[in-house]
Protein backbone atom coordinates (compact mmCIF):
# COMPACT_ATOMS: atom_id res chain seq x y z
CA UNK A 1 0.00 0.00 0.00
CA UNK A 2 3.01 2.27 -0.38
CA UNK A 3 3.29 5.20 -2.72
CA UNK A 4 5.83 3.23 -4.77
CA UNK A 5 4.20 -0.22 -4.62
CA UNK A 6 3.69 -0.66 -8.37
CA UNK A 7 7.09 0.52 -9.58
CA UNK A 8 9.81 3.16 -9.22
CA UNK A 9 11.81 4.96 -11.90
CA UNK A 10 14.10 7.84 -12.84
CA UNK A 11 16.29 7.97 -9.73
CA UNK A 12 18.50 11.05 -9.38
CA UNK A 13 21.25 10.83 -6.73
CA UNK A 14 22.88 13.84 -5.06
CA UNK A 15 25.53 14.22 -2.34
CA UNK A 16 24.47 16.17 0.75
CA UNK A 17 27.27 16.55 3.32
CA UNK A 18 27.85 13.06 4.80
CA UNK A 19 25.07 11.18 2.98
CA UNK A 20 23.40 10.64 -0.39
CA UNK A 21 19.87 11.67 -1.34
CA UNK A 22 17.94 9.99 -4.15
CA UNK A 23 14.84 11.52 -5.66
CA UNK A 24 12.68 9.21 -7.79
CA UNK A 25 9.07 8.72 -8.69
CA UNK A 26 6.95 5.96 -7.28
CA UNK A 27 3.66 4.73 -8.68
CA UNK A 28 0.67 3.30 -6.85
CA UNK A 29 -3.04 3.16 -7.65
CA UNK A 30 -3.34 6.93 -7.01
CA UNK A 31 -0.73 7.94 -9.62
CA UNK A 32 2.95 8.91 -9.65
CA UNK A 33 4.50 10.75 -6.70
CA UNK A 34 7.92 12.28 -6.00
CA UNK A 35 9.73 10.12 -3.46
CA UNK A 36 13.04 10.40 -1.58
CA UNK A 37 15.52 7.91 -0.10
CA UNK A 38 18.76 8.32 1.87
CA UNK A 39 22.05 6.39 2.02
CA UNK A 40 25.50 6.71 3.55
CA UNK A 41 27.13 4.08 1.31
CA UNK A 42 25.11 4.07 -1.98
CA UNK A 43 24.22 0.42 -1.34
CA UNK A 44 21.76 0.50 1.54
CA UNK A 45 18.88 2.95 1.20
CA UNK A 46 16.21 4.15 3.61
CA UNK A 47 13.08 5.29 1.82
CA UNK A 48 10.76 7.84 3.33
CA UNK A 49 7.35 6.10 3.19
CA UNK A 50 5.59 9.41 2.52
CA UNK A 51 6.09 11.23 -0.77
CA UNK A 52 8.28 14.30 -0.83
CA UNK A 53 5.49 15.61 -3.04
CA UNK A 54 2.20 13.81 -3.60
CA UNK A 55 0.35 14.08 -6.92
CA UNK A 56 -2.66 16.32 -6.51
CA UNK A 57 -0.87 18.82 -4.29
CA UNK A 58 -1.14 21.74 -6.71
CA UNK A 59 -4.24 23.88 -5.97
CA UNK A 60 -5.00 24.28 -9.70
CA UNK A 61 -5.04 20.50 -10.38
CA UNK A 62 -1.85 20.89 -12.46
CA UNK A 63 -0.66 17.51 -11.16
CA UNK A 64 -3.93 15.85 -10.16
CA UNK A 65 -2.91 12.53 -11.78
CA UNK A 66 0.91 12.42 -11.71
CA UNK A 67 3.97 14.27 -10.38
CA UNK A 68 7.13 12.65 -11.74
CA UNK A 69 10.44 12.90 -13.68
CA UNK A 70 12.22 15.54 -11.62
CA UNK A 71 15.10 17.84 -12.37
CA UNK A 72 16.98 19.52 -9.52
CA UNK A 73 19.01 22.74 -9.86
CA UNK A 74 20.92 24.74 -7.23
CA UNK A 75 21.02 28.52 -7.64
CA UNK A 76 23.86 29.93 -5.52
CA UNK A 77 22.69 33.50 -6.14
CA UNK A 78 19.59 33.04 -3.99
CA UNK A 79 20.76 29.85 -2.20
CA UNK A 80 17.68 27.99 -3.38
CA UNK A 81 17.05 24.52 -4.81
CA UNK A 82 14.63 24.42 -7.74
CA UNK A 83 12.91 21.09 -8.34
CA UNK A 84 10.90 20.95 -11.55
CA UNK A 85 8.74 17.98 -12.41
CA UNK A 86 6.41 16.69 -15.09
CA UNK A 87 2.85 17.35 -13.97
CA UNK A 88 -0.15 15.54 -15.43
CA UNK A 89 -3.54 16.91 -14.52
CA UNK A 90 -7.05 17.49 -15.75
CA UNK A 91 -5.88 19.81 -18.56
CA UNK A 92 -2.97 17.67 -19.79
CA UNK A 93 0.75 18.00 -19.07
CA UNK A 94 2.70 20.88 -17.61
CA UNK A 95 5.79 21.65 -15.56
CA UNK A 96 5.52 22.02 -11.81
CA UNK A 97 8.09 23.83 -9.66
CA UNK A 98 8.98 23.37 -6.01
CA UNK A 99 11.61 25.52 -4.27
CA UNK A 100 13.53 24.97 -1.04
CA UNK A 101 16.43 26.46 0.89
CA UNK A 102 17.47 22.92 1.96
CA UNK A 103 17.86 19.76 -0.12
């Protein structure tokens, strides 16, 4: 009954201080969601059971069906991470954007 019970894909791995962070999308019966896992050795991973971002989180239904296929960019000028993702909603496909000061 997990958010990635059907399958996972498109893992992106980044170094964060003393550990590794992997963003990927997981699919269950509710759609595709942005997931995250952590590792200190790139072999053993601990997955957060809750999505980093759950499909349907956009107030305009931009990603009502799926939120997947991320790209992550660091902007040193404003010290912000920009995570864009493919959004699939009631009006077709679009690009969603999530920002954060921390990875």
